[in-house]
Amino acid sequence: MTESAVGGEQPLSLTARAARAYLDVCFFHPFDDGNARCAFLALVFVLAREGVALNGVGLLRRIAFRADDPQDALTLVRYIDAHLAETRRSVALGSQPYR
């Protein structure tokens, strides 16, 4: 999780850090079920550490992402970006975050 923190030589975007944490958990702690719940908690932790709470997580919870597939990493980043964009739109419109 250290690479998910800001402060390295070339800091990654929040989205990339959250995706990296998710995929690291899947890769380093593999289980038959893909370890998606623990990986998702790592992703949410990275976002929360930066003060970000998502309004929804449908795309992130319904799809399995494999740590050894480069396309899955790109898809995961796009899905996180989509959720962040939706959360920002909701905040701009005055909606309350999903809890």
N, C-alpha and C. Protein backbone atom coordinates (compact mmCIF):
# COMPACT_ATOMS: atom_id res chain seq x y z
N MET A 1 0.81 -1.19 0.00
CA MET A 1 0.00 0.00 0.00
C MET A 1 0.85 1.26 0.00
N THR A 2 2.15 1.11 0.19
CA THR A 2 2.98 2.31 0.22
C THR A 2 2.98 3.03 -1.11
N GLU A 3 2.88 2.30 -2.22
CA GLU A 3 2.85 2.96 -3.52
C GLU A 3 1.50 3.58 -3.80
N SER A 4 0.51 3.31 -2.96
CA SER A 4 -0.79 3.95 -3.14
C SER A 4 -0.82 5.31 -2.47
N ALA A 5 0.26 5.67 -1.77
CA ALA A 5 0.33 6.95 -1.08
C ALA A 5 0.99 8.01 -1.97
N VAL A 6 0.62 9.25 -1.73
CA VAL A 6 1.23 10.37 -2.43
C VAL A 6 2.61 10.60 -1.85
N GLY A 7 3.55 11.07 -2.66
CA GLY A 7 4.85 11.43 -2.11
C GLY A 7 6.01 10.72 -2.75
N GLY A 8 5.77 9.84 -3.69
CA GLY A 8 6.87 9.17 -4.38
C GLY A 8 7.48 10.10 -5.41
N GLU A 9 8.47 9.59 -6.14
CA GLU A 9 9.13 10.39 -7.16
C GLU A 9 8.16 10.83 -8.25
N GLN A 10 7.35 9.90 -8.74
CA GLN A 10 6.34 10.22 -9.74
C GLN A 10 4.99 9.76 -9.19
N PRO A 11 4.34 10.62 -8.43
CA PRO A 11 3.09 10.18 -7.82
C PRO A 11 2.03 9.84 -8.87
N LEU A 12 1.34 8.77 -8.62
CA LEU A 12 0.25 8.35 -9.49
C LEU A 12 -1.00 9.14 -9.15
N SER A 13 -1.93 9.20 -10.08
CA SER A 13 -3.22 9.84 -9.80
C SER A 13 -3.96 9.03 -8.74
N LEU A 14 -4.94 9.63 -8.12
CA LEU A 14 -5.74 8.94 -7.11
C LEU A 14 -6.38 7.69 -7.71
N THR A 15 -6.89 7.82 -8.91
CA THR A 15 -7.52 6.68 -9.58
C THR A 15 -6.53 5.53 -9.77
N ALA A 16 -5.34 5.86 -10.25
CA ALA A 16 -4.32 4.83 -10.48
C ALA A 16 -3.87 4.21 -9.16
N ARG A 17 -3.75 5.02 -8.11
CA ARG A 17 -3.34 4.47 -6.82
C ARG A 17 -4.40 3.53 -6.26
N ALA A 18 -5.67 3.89 -6.42
CA ALA A 18 -6.76 3.03 -5.93
C ALA A 18 -6.80 1.72 -6.71
N ALA A 19 -6.65 1.81 -8.03
CA ALA A 19 -6.63 0.60 -8.86
C ALA A 19 -5.43 -0.27 -8.52
N ARG A 20 -4.29 0.35 -8.30
CA ARG A 20 -3.08 -0.40 -7.95
C ARG A 20 -3.27 -1.16 -6.64
N ALA A 21 -3.86 -0.52 -5.65
CA ALA A 21 -4.10 -1.19 -4.37
C ALA A 21 -5.02 -2.39 -4.57
N TYR A 22 -6.08 -2.21 -5.33
CA TYR A 22 -7.02 -3.29 -5.62
C TYR A 22 -6.30 -4.47 -6.26
N LEU A 23 -5.56 -4.19 -7.32
CA LEU A 23 -4.90 -5.26 -8.06
C LEU A 23 -3.77 -5.89 -7.27
N ASP A 24 -3.09 -5.12 -6.43
CA ASP A 24 -2.04 -5.69 -5.58
C ASP A 24 -2.62 -6.73 -4.62
N VAL A 25 -3.76 -6.41 -4.02
CA VAL A 25 -4.39 -7.36 -3.11
C VAL A 25 -4.76 -8.64 -3.87
N CYS A 26 -5.33 -8.49 -5.05
CA CYS A 26 -5.69 -9.66 -5.85
C CYS A 26 -4.47 -10.48 -6.24
N PHE A 27 -3.37 -9.82 -6.55
CA PHE A 27 -2.17 -10.52 -7.01
C PHE A 27 -1.41 -11.17 -5.86
N PHE A 28 -1.20 -10.44 -4.79
CA PHE A 28 -0.37 -10.94 -3.71
C PHE A 28 -1.12 -11.82 -2.71
N HIS A 29 -2.42 -11.74 -2.70
CA HIS A 29 -3.23 -12.54 -1.78
C HIS A 29 -4.34 -13.25 -2.56
N PRO A 30 -3.96 -14.08 -3.52
CA PRO A 30 -4.98 -14.70 -4.36
C PRO A 30 -5.76 -15.79 -3.62
N PHE A 31 -7.04 -15.80 -3.86
CA PHE A 31 -7.93 -16.85 -3.37
C PHE A 31 -8.75 -17.34 -4.55
N ASP A 32 -9.38 -18.47 -4.40
CA ASP A 32 -10.19 -19.02 -5.49
C ASP A 32 -11.29 -18.06 -5.93
N ASP A 33 -11.83 -17.28 -4.99
CA ASP A 33 -12.91 -16.35 -5.34
C ASP A 33 -12.38 -15.02 -5.85
N GLY A 34 -11.07 -14.89 -6.03
CA GLY A 34 -10.47 -13.68 -6.57
C GLY A 34 -10.17 -12.63 -5.53
N ASN A 35 -10.61 -12.84 -4.29
CA ASN A 35 -10.33 -11.91 -3.20
C ASN A 35 -10.88 -10.51 -3.47
N ALA A 36 -11.98 -10.42 -4.19
CA ALA A 36 -12.54 -9.13 -4.60
C ALA A 36 -12.99 -8.28 -3.42
N ARG A 37 -13.51 -8.90 -2.37
CA ARG A 37 -13.97 -8.10 -1.22
C ARG A 37 -12.82 -7.39 -0.54
N CYS A 38 -11.73 -8.09 -0.28
CA CYS A 38 -10.57 -7.45 0.35
C CYS A 38 -9.96 -6.41 -0.58
N ALA A 39 -9.89 -6.72 -1.86
CA ALA A 39 -9.34 -5.78 -2.83
C ALA A 39 -10.19 -4.52 -2.89
N PHE A 40 -11.50 -4.70 -2.85
CA PHE A 40 -12.40 -3.54 -2.86
C PHE A 40 -12.20 -2.68 -1.62
N LEU A 41 -12.02 -3.31 -0.47
CA LEU A 41 -11.77 -2.54 0.76
C LEU A 41 -10.47 -1.75 0.66
N ALA A 42 -9.45 -2.32 0.04
CA ALA A 42 -8.20 -1.59 -0.17
C ALA A 42 -8.42 -0.38 -1.07
N LEU A 43 -9.19 -0.56 -2.13
CA LEU A 43 -9.51 0.54 -3.04
C LEU A 43 -10.24 1.66 -2.31
N VAL A 44 -11.26 1.30 -1.53
CA VAL A 44 -12.03 2.29 -0.78
C VAL A 44 -11.15 2.99 0.25
N PHE A 45 -10.22 2.26 0.86
CA PHE A 45 -9.31 2.85 1.84
C PHE A 45 -8.44 3.93 1.19
N VAL A 46 -7.89 3.63 0.01
CA VAL A 46 -7.04 4.61 -0.69
C VAL A 46 -7.85 5.87 -1.01
N LEU A 47 -9.08 5.69 -1.47
CA LEU A 47 -9.93 6.85 -1.75
C LEU A 47 -10.26 7.62 -0.47
N ALA A 48 -10.63 6.91 0.57
CA ALA A 48 -11.01 7.55 1.84
C ALA A 48 -9.85 8.31 2.46
N ARG A 49 -8.65 7.78 2.29
CA ARG A 49 -7.47 8.44 2.83
C ARG A 49 -7.30 9.83 2.21
N GLU A 50 -7.83 10.01 1.00
CA GLU A 50 -7.78 11.30 0.31
C GLU A 50 -9.08 12.08 0.49
N GLY A 51 -9.96 11.59 1.36
CA GLY A 51 -11.21 12.28 1.63
C GLY A 51 -12.29 12.08 0.58
N VAL A 52 -12.19 10.99 -0.18
CA VAL A 52 -13.15 10.72 -1.26
C VAL A 52 -14.04 9.55 -0.87
N ALA A 53 -15.34 9.77 -0.96
CA ALA A 53 -16.33 8.71 -0.77
C ALA A 53 -17.16 8.66 -2.05
N LEU A 54 -17.36 7.48 -2.58
CA LEU A 54 -18.10 7.33 -3.83
C LEU A 54 -19.60 7.24 -3.57
N ASN A 55 -20.40 7.79 -4.49
CA ASN A 55 -21.85 7.69 -4.38
C ASN A 55 -22.35 6.28 -4.63
N GLY A 56 -21.67 5.55 -5.47
CA GLY A 56 -22.06 4.19 -5.80
C GLY A 56 -20.84 3.41 -6.25
N VAL A 57 -20.98 2.10 -6.27
CA VAL A 57 -19.84 1.26 -6.63
C VAL A 57 -20.26 0.10 -7.54
N GLY A 58 -21.37 0.26 -8.23
CA GLY A 58 -21.92 -0.83 -9.04
C GLY A 58 -20.94 -1.46 -10.00
N LEU A 59 -20.25 -0.64 -10.80
CA LEU A 59 -19.31 -1.20 -11.78
C LEU A 59 -18.14 -1.90 -11.11
N LEU A 60 -17.75 -1.42 -9.94
CA LEU A 60 -16.60 -1.99 -9.25
C LEU A 60 -16.93 -3.30 -8.55
N ARG A 61 -18.17 -3.47 -8.14
CA ARG A 61 -18.56 -4.66 -7.38
C ARG A 61 -19.13 -5.77 -8.25
N ARG A 62 -19.56 -5.45 -9.46
CA ARG A 62 -20.20 -6.46 -10.30
C ARG A 62 -19.26 -7.17 -11.25
N ILE A 63 -18.09 -6.61 -11.45
CA ILE A 63 -17.16 -7.14 -12.45
C ILE A 63 -15.90 -7.62 -11.74
N ALA A 64 -15.39 -8.74 -12.14
CA ALA A 64 -14.13 -9.26 -11.58
C ALA A 64 -12.96 -8.71 -12.39
N PHE A 65 -11.92 -8.32 -11.69
CA PHE A 65 -10.72 -7.80 -12.33
C PHE A 65 -9.56 -8.72 -11.96
N ARG A 66 -8.79 -9.12 -12.97
CA ARG A 66 -7.64 -10.00 -12.74
C ARG A 66 -6.37 -9.18 -12.70
N ALA A 67 -5.55 -9.46 -11.72
CA ALA A 67 -4.31 -8.72 -11.54
C ALA A 67 -3.30 -9.01 -12.64
N ASP A 68 -3.42 -10.14 -13.30
CA ASP A 68 -2.44 -10.51 -14.33
C ASP A 68 -2.89 -10.17 -15.75
N ASP A 69 -3.96 -9.39 -15.88
CA ASP A 69 -4.46 -9.00 -17.19
C ASP A 69 -4.35 -7.48 -17.36
N PRO A 70 -3.46 -7.00 -18.23
CA PRO A 70 -3.28 -5.55 -18.40
C PRO A 70 -4.56 -4.84 -18.81
N GLN A 71 -5.41 -5.48 -19.59
CA GLN A 71 -6.67 -4.84 -19.99
C GLN A 71 -7.60 -4.66 -18.79
N ASP A 72 -7.59 -5.60 -17.86
CA ASP A 72 -8.41 -5.46 -16.67
C ASP A 72 -7.97 -4.26 -15.84
N ALA A 73 -6.66 -4.02 -15.78
CA ALA A 73 -6.17 -2.86 -15.04
C ALA A 73 -6.69 -1.58 -15.66
N LEU A 74 -6.65 -1.49 -16.98
CA LEU A 74 -7.16 -0.29 -17.66
C LEU A 74 -8.66 -0.14 -17.47
N THR A 75 -9.38 -1.24 -17.54
CA THR A 75 -10.83 -1.20 -17.32
C THR A 75 -11.14 -0.74 -15.91
N LEU A 76 -10.42 -1.27 -14.93
CA LEU A 76 -10.63 -0.88 -13.54
C LEU A 76 -10.41 0.62 -13.36
N VAL A 77 -9.36 1.16 -13.94
CA VAL A 77 -9.09 2.60 -13.84
C VAL A 77 -10.24 3.39 -14.47
N ARG A 78 -10.73 2.95 -15.63
CA ARG A 78 -11.86 3.64 -16.27
C ARG A 78 -13.10 3.60 -15.40
N TYR A 79 -13.36 2.46 -14.76
CA TYR A 79 -14.54 2.35 -13.90
C TYR A 79 -14.42 3.22 -12.67
N ILE A 80 -13.23 3.27 -12.08
CA ILE A 80 -13.03 4.16 -10.92
C ILE A 80 -13.25 5.60 -11.35
N ASP A 81 -12.68 5.98 -12.50
CA ASP A 81 -12.88 7.34 -13.02
C ASP A 81 -14.36 7.64 -13.23
N ALA A 82 -15.10 6.66 -13.77
CA ALA A 82 -16.53 6.86 -14.00
C ALA A 82 -17.27 7.11 -12.68
N HIS A 83 -16.94 6.33 -11.66
CA HIS A 83 -17.58 6.53 -10.35
C HIS A 83 -17.18 7.86 -9.73
N LEU A 84 -15.93 8.24 -9.86
CA LEU A 84 -15.50 9.54 -9.34
C LEU A 84 -16.20 10.69 -10.05
N ALA A 85 -16.34 10.58 -11.37
CA ALA A 85 -17.03 11.62 -12.14
C ALA A 85 -18.49 11.72 -11.71
N GLU A 86 -19.14 10.59 -11.52
CA GLU A 86 -20.55 10.59 -11.08
C GLU A 86 -20.67 11.20 -9.68
N THR A 87 -19.75 10.87 -8.81
CA THR A 87 -19.77 11.44 -7.46
C THR A 87 -19.60 12.95 -7.53
N ARG A 88 -18.66 13.42 -8.35
CA ARG A 88 -18.45 14.87 -8.50
C ARG A 88 -19.70 15.56 -9.03
N ARG A 89 -20.36 14.94 -10.03
CA ARG A 89 -21.60 15.51 -10.56
C ARG A 89 -22.66 15.60 -9.47
N SER A 90 -22.80 14.55 -8.69
CA SER A 90 -23.79 14.55 -7.61
C SER A 90 -23.50 15.63 -6.59
N VAL A 91 -22.23 15.79 -6.24
CA VAL A 91 -21.86 16.82 -5.26
C VAL A 91 -22.15 18.20 -5.84
N ALA A 92 -21.84 18.40 -7.13
CA ALA A 92 -22.09 19.69 -7.77
C ALA A 92 -23.59 20.02 -7.79
N LEU A 93 -24.42 18.99 -7.90
CA LEU A 93 -25.86 19.19 -7.91
C LEU A 93 -26.46 19.23 -6.51
N GLY A 94 -25.64 19.01 -5.49
CA GLY A 94 -26.11 19.07 -4.13
C GLY A 94 -26.65 17.79 -3.57
N SER A 95 -26.46 16.67 -4.27
CA SER A 95 -26.91 15.38 -3.76
C SER A 95 -25.99 14.91 -2.63
N GLN A 96 -26.54 14.09 -1.76
CA GLN A 96 -25.76 13.52 -0.67
C GLN A 96 -25.02 12.29 -1.16
N PRO A 97 -23.80 12.06 -0.67
CA PRO A 97 -23.07 10.84 -1.05
C PRO A 97 -23.81 9.60 -0.57
N TYR A 98 -23.65 8.53 -1.33
CA TYR A 98 -24.22 7.24 -0.97
C TYR A 98 -23.51 6.71 0.26
N ARG A 99 -24.24 6.23 1.19
CA ARG A 99 -23.64 5.66 2.42
C ARG A 99 -24.11 4.24 2.58
